């Protein structure tokens, strides 16, 4: 579960967690609609594509304190995107919730 501490709302009740390199490469490709969390060992630049993901998502980039530092809204199928920040976590929201830049999230 992902809880938005700033707005006191649940933004995801069930999400896939990706910690391995391979699970992060595959991401949401060929999966049904679901939310996903990628956790990196250290902050890094993120380059994403939406090949073989057939629905739009919101992408949230989080720093080490789980603060949203960048949001890519309505990331469409078969598109590319490069982040401006170096996040520790990436949350891909197939079911968008209530969140804005600088909100702090908590993971359960």
C-alpha atoms as a PDB file:
ATOM      1  CA  UNK A   1       0.000   0.000   0.000  1.00  0.00           C
ATOM      2  CA  UNK A   2       1.176   3.546  -0.747  1.00  0.00           C
ATOM      3  CA  UNK A   3      -0.060   6.316   1.535  1.00  0.00           C
ATOM      4  CA  UNK A   4       0.292  10.017   0.728  1.00  0.00           C
ATOM      5  CA  UNK A   5       1.314  11.444   4.116  1.00  0.00           C
ATOM      6  CA  UNK A   6       0.953  15.027   2.918  1.00  0.00           C
ATOM      7  CA  UNK A   7      -2.675  14.651   1.792  1.00  0.00           C
ATOM      8  CA  UNK A   8      -3.594  11.807   4.180  1.00  0.00           C
ATOM      9  CA  UNK A   9      -4.908   9.597   1.353  1.00  0.00           C
ATOM     10  CA  UNK A  10      -4.178   6.101   0.060  1.00  0.00           C
ATOM     11  CA  UNK A  11      -2.945   6.332  -3.534  1.00  0.00           C
ATOM     12  CA  UNK A  12      -2.387   2.608  -4.128  1.00  0.00           C
ATOM     13  CA  UNK A  13      -3.758  -0.414  -2.299  1.00  0.00           C
ATOM     14  CA  UNK A  14      -1.793  -2.998  -4.252  1.00  0.00           C
ATOM     15  CA  UNK A  15       1.345  -2.569  -6.350  1.00  0.00           C
ATOM     16  CA  UNK A  16       4.091  -4.689  -7.851  1.00  0.00           C
ATOM     17  CA  UNK A  17       7.556  -4.112  -6.310  1.00  0.00           C
ATOM     18  CA  UNK A  18      10.605  -4.315  -8.579  1.00  0.00           C
ATOM     19  CA  UNK A  19      13.994  -4.444  -6.888  1.00  0.00           C
ATOM     20  CA  UNK A  20      15.994  -6.623  -9.279  1.00  0.00           C
ATOM     21  CA  UNK A  21      17.552  -5.351 -12.489  1.00  0.00           C
ATOM     22  CA  UNK A  22      15.511  -7.738 -14.623  1.00  0.00           C
ATOM     23  CA  UNK A  23      12.160  -6.901 -13.008  1.00  0.00           C
ATOM     24  CA  UNK A  24      12.912  -3.203 -13.589  1.00  0.00           C
ATOM     25  CA  UNK A  25      13.735  -3.831 -17.252  1.00  0.00           C
ATOM     26  CA  UNK A  26      10.426  -5.666 -17.762  1.00  0.00           C
ATOM     27  CA  UNK A  27       8.390  -3.225 -15.636  1.00  0.00           C
ATOM     28  CA  UNK A  28       4.785  -3.109 -16.837  1.00  0.00           C
ATOM     29  CA  UNK A  29       5.447  -4.545 -20.299  1.00  0.00           C
ATOM     30  CA  UNK A  30       2.916  -7.216 -21.222  1.00  0.00           C
ATOM     31  CA  UNK A  31       1.166  -6.885 -17.819  1.00  0.00           C
ATOM     32  CA  UNK A  32      -2.403  -6.044 -17.067  1.00  0.00           C
ATOM     33  CA  UNK A  33      -3.088  -2.618 -15.620  1.00  0.00           C
ATOM     34  CA  UNK A  34      -1.410  -2.298 -12.209  1.00  0.00           C
ATOM     35  CA  UNK A  35       0.721   0.087 -10.151  1.00  0.00           C
ATOM     36  CA  UNK A  36       4.451  -0.574  -9.854  1.00  0.00           C
ATOM     37  CA  UNK A  37       7.306   0.568  -7.582  1.00  0.00           C
ATOM     38  CA  UNK A  38      10.964   0.422  -8.658  1.00  0.00           C
ATOM     39  CA  UNK A  39      13.519   0.673  -5.856  1.00  0.00           C
ATOM     40  CA  UNK A  40      17.131   1.477  -6.755  1.00  0.00           C
ATOM     41  CA  UNK A  41      20.181   0.849  -4.534  1.00  0.00           C
ATOM     42  CA  UNK A  42      21.193   4.514  -5.035  1.00  0.00           C
ATOM     43  CA  UNK A  43      19.745   7.549  -6.855  1.00  0.00           C
ATOM     44  CA  UNK A  44      20.126   7.410 -10.631  1.00  0.00           C
ATOM     45  CA  UNK A  45      18.951   9.040 -13.844  1.00  0.00           C
ATOM     46  CA  UNK A  46      15.824   7.352 -15.231  1.00  0.00           C
ATOM     47  CA  UNK A  47      14.992   6.695 -18.889  1.00  0.00           C
ATOM     48  CA  UNK A  48      11.619   5.073 -19.487  1.00  0.00           C
ATOM     49  CA  UNK A  49       9.737   3.809 -22.503  1.00  0.00           C
ATOM     50  CA  UNK A  50       6.184   2.589 -22.881  1.00  0.00           C
ATOM     51  CA  UNK A  51       6.720  -0.156 -25.457  1.00  0.00           C
ATOM     52  CA  UNK A  52       4.221  -2.950 -24.941  1.00  0.00           C
ATOM     53  CA  UNK A  53       2.414  -1.079 -22.161  1.00  0.00           C
ATOM     54  CA  UNK A  54      -1.026  -0.454 -23.622  1.00  0.00           C
ATOM     55  CA  UNK A  55      -2.435   2.106 -21.161  1.00  0.00           C
ATOM     56  CA  UNK A  56      -1.283   5.564 -19.963  1.00  0.00           C
ATOM     57  CA  UNK A  57       0.357   5.945 -16.538  1.00  0.00           C
ATOM     58  CA  UNK A  58       1.609   8.659 -14.204  1.00  0.00           C
ATOM     59  CA  UNK A  59       5.267   8.369 -13.177  1.00  0.00           C
ATOM     60  CA  UNK A  60       6.338   9.638  -9.744  1.00  0.00           C
ATOM     61  CA  UNK A  61      10.042  10.101  -8.955  1.00  0.00           C
ATOM     62  CA  UNK A  62      10.919   9.977  -5.257  1.00  0.00           C
ATOM     63  CA  UNK A  63      14.060  11.018  -3.410  1.00  0.00           C
ATOM     64  CA  UNK A  64      15.648   9.152  -0.480  1.00  0.00           C
ATOM     65  CA  UNK A  65      13.021  10.581   1.915  1.00  0.00           C
ATOM     66  CA  UNK A  66      10.115   9.420  -0.299  1.00  0.00           C
ATOM     67  CA  UNK A  67       9.323  12.988  -1.363  1.00  0.00           C
ATOM     68  CA  UNK A  68       7.976  13.398  -4.900  1.00  0.00           C
ATOM     69  CA  UNK A  69      10.592  15.391  -6.825  1.00  0.00           C
ATOM     70  CA  UNK A  70       9.157  14.996 -10.341  1.00  0.00           C
ATOM     71  CA  UNK A  71       5.907  13.835 -11.947  1.00  0.00           C
ATOM     72  CA  UNK A  72       5.304  12.739 -15.534  1.00  0.00           C
ATOM     73  CA  UNK A  73       1.538  12.735 -16.012  1.00  0.00           C
ATOM     74  CA  UNK A  74      -0.318  10.781 -18.686  1.00  0.00           C
ATOM     75  CA  UNK A  75       2.744   8.948 -20.045  1.00  0.00           C
ATOM     76  CA  UNK A  76       1.281   7.373 -23.180  1.00  0.00           C
ATOM     77  CA  UNK A  77       1.931   3.999 -24.842  1.00  0.00           C
ATOM     78  CA  UNK A  78       4.908   3.771 -27.221  1.00  0.00           C
ATOM     79  CA  UNK A  79       6.547   6.975 -25.932  1.00  0.00           C
ATOM     80  CA  UNK A  80       9.975   7.759 -24.393  1.00  0.00           C
ATOM     81  CA  UNK A  81      10.816   9.961 -21.410  1.00  0.00           C
ATOM     82  CA  UNK A  82      14.012  11.030 -19.560  1.00  0.00           C
ATOM     83  CA  UNK A  83      13.882  12.317 -16.000  1.00  0.00           C
ATOM     84  CA  UNK A  84      15.432  15.599 -14.925  1.00  0.00           C
ATOM     85  CA  UNK A  85      16.083  14.330 -11.381  1.00  0.00           C
ATOM     86  CA  UNK A  86      17.923  11.314  -9.975  1.00  0.00           C
ATOM     87  CA  UNK A  87      15.344   9.388  -7.926  1.00  0.00           C
ATOM     88  CA  UNK A  88      15.813   6.587  -5.401  1.00  0.00           C
ATOM     89  CA  UNK A  89      12.352   5.190  -6.250  1.00  0.00           C
ATOM     90  CA  UNK A  90      10.026   5.327  -9.254  1.00  0.00           C
ATOM     91  CA  UNK A  91       6.294   4.758  -8.846  1.00  0.00           C
ATOM     92  CA  UNK A  92       4.332   3.979 -11.990  1.00  0.00           C
ATOM     93  CA  UNK A  93       0.652   4.676 -11.405  1.00  0.00           C
ATOM     94  CA  UNK A  94      -1.716   2.917 -13.803  1.00  0.00           C
ATOM     95  CA  UNK A  95      -4.501   3.991 -11.440  1.00  0.00           C
ATOM     96  CA  UNK A  96      -3.629   7.652 -10.708  1.00  0.00           C
ATOM     97  CA  UNK A  97      -4.384   9.070  -7.277  1.00  0.00           C
ATOM     98  CA  UNK A  98      -4.050  12.382  -5.467  1.00  0.00           C
ATOM     99  CA  UNK A  99      -0.459  13.614  -5.400  1.00  0.00           C
ATOM    100  CA  UNK A 100       1.595  16.670  -6.265  1.00  0.00           C
ATOM    101  CA  UNK A 101       5.280  17.549  -6.358  1.00  0.00           C
ATOM    102  CA  UNK A 102       6.808  17.702  -2.820  1.00  0.00           C
ATOM    103  CA  UNK A 103       4.203  15.331  -1.316  1.00  0.00           C
ATOM    104  CA  UNK A 104       5.723  12.673   0.951  1.00  0.00           C
ATOM    105  CA  UNK A 105       4.684   9.039   0.478  1.00  0.00           C
ATOM    106  CA  UNK A 106       4.820   6.105   2.879  1.00  0.00           C
ATOM    107  CA  UNK A 107       5.042   2.467   1.785  1.00  0.00           C
ATOM    108  CA  UNK A 108       3.470  -0.414   3.715  1.00  0.00           C
END
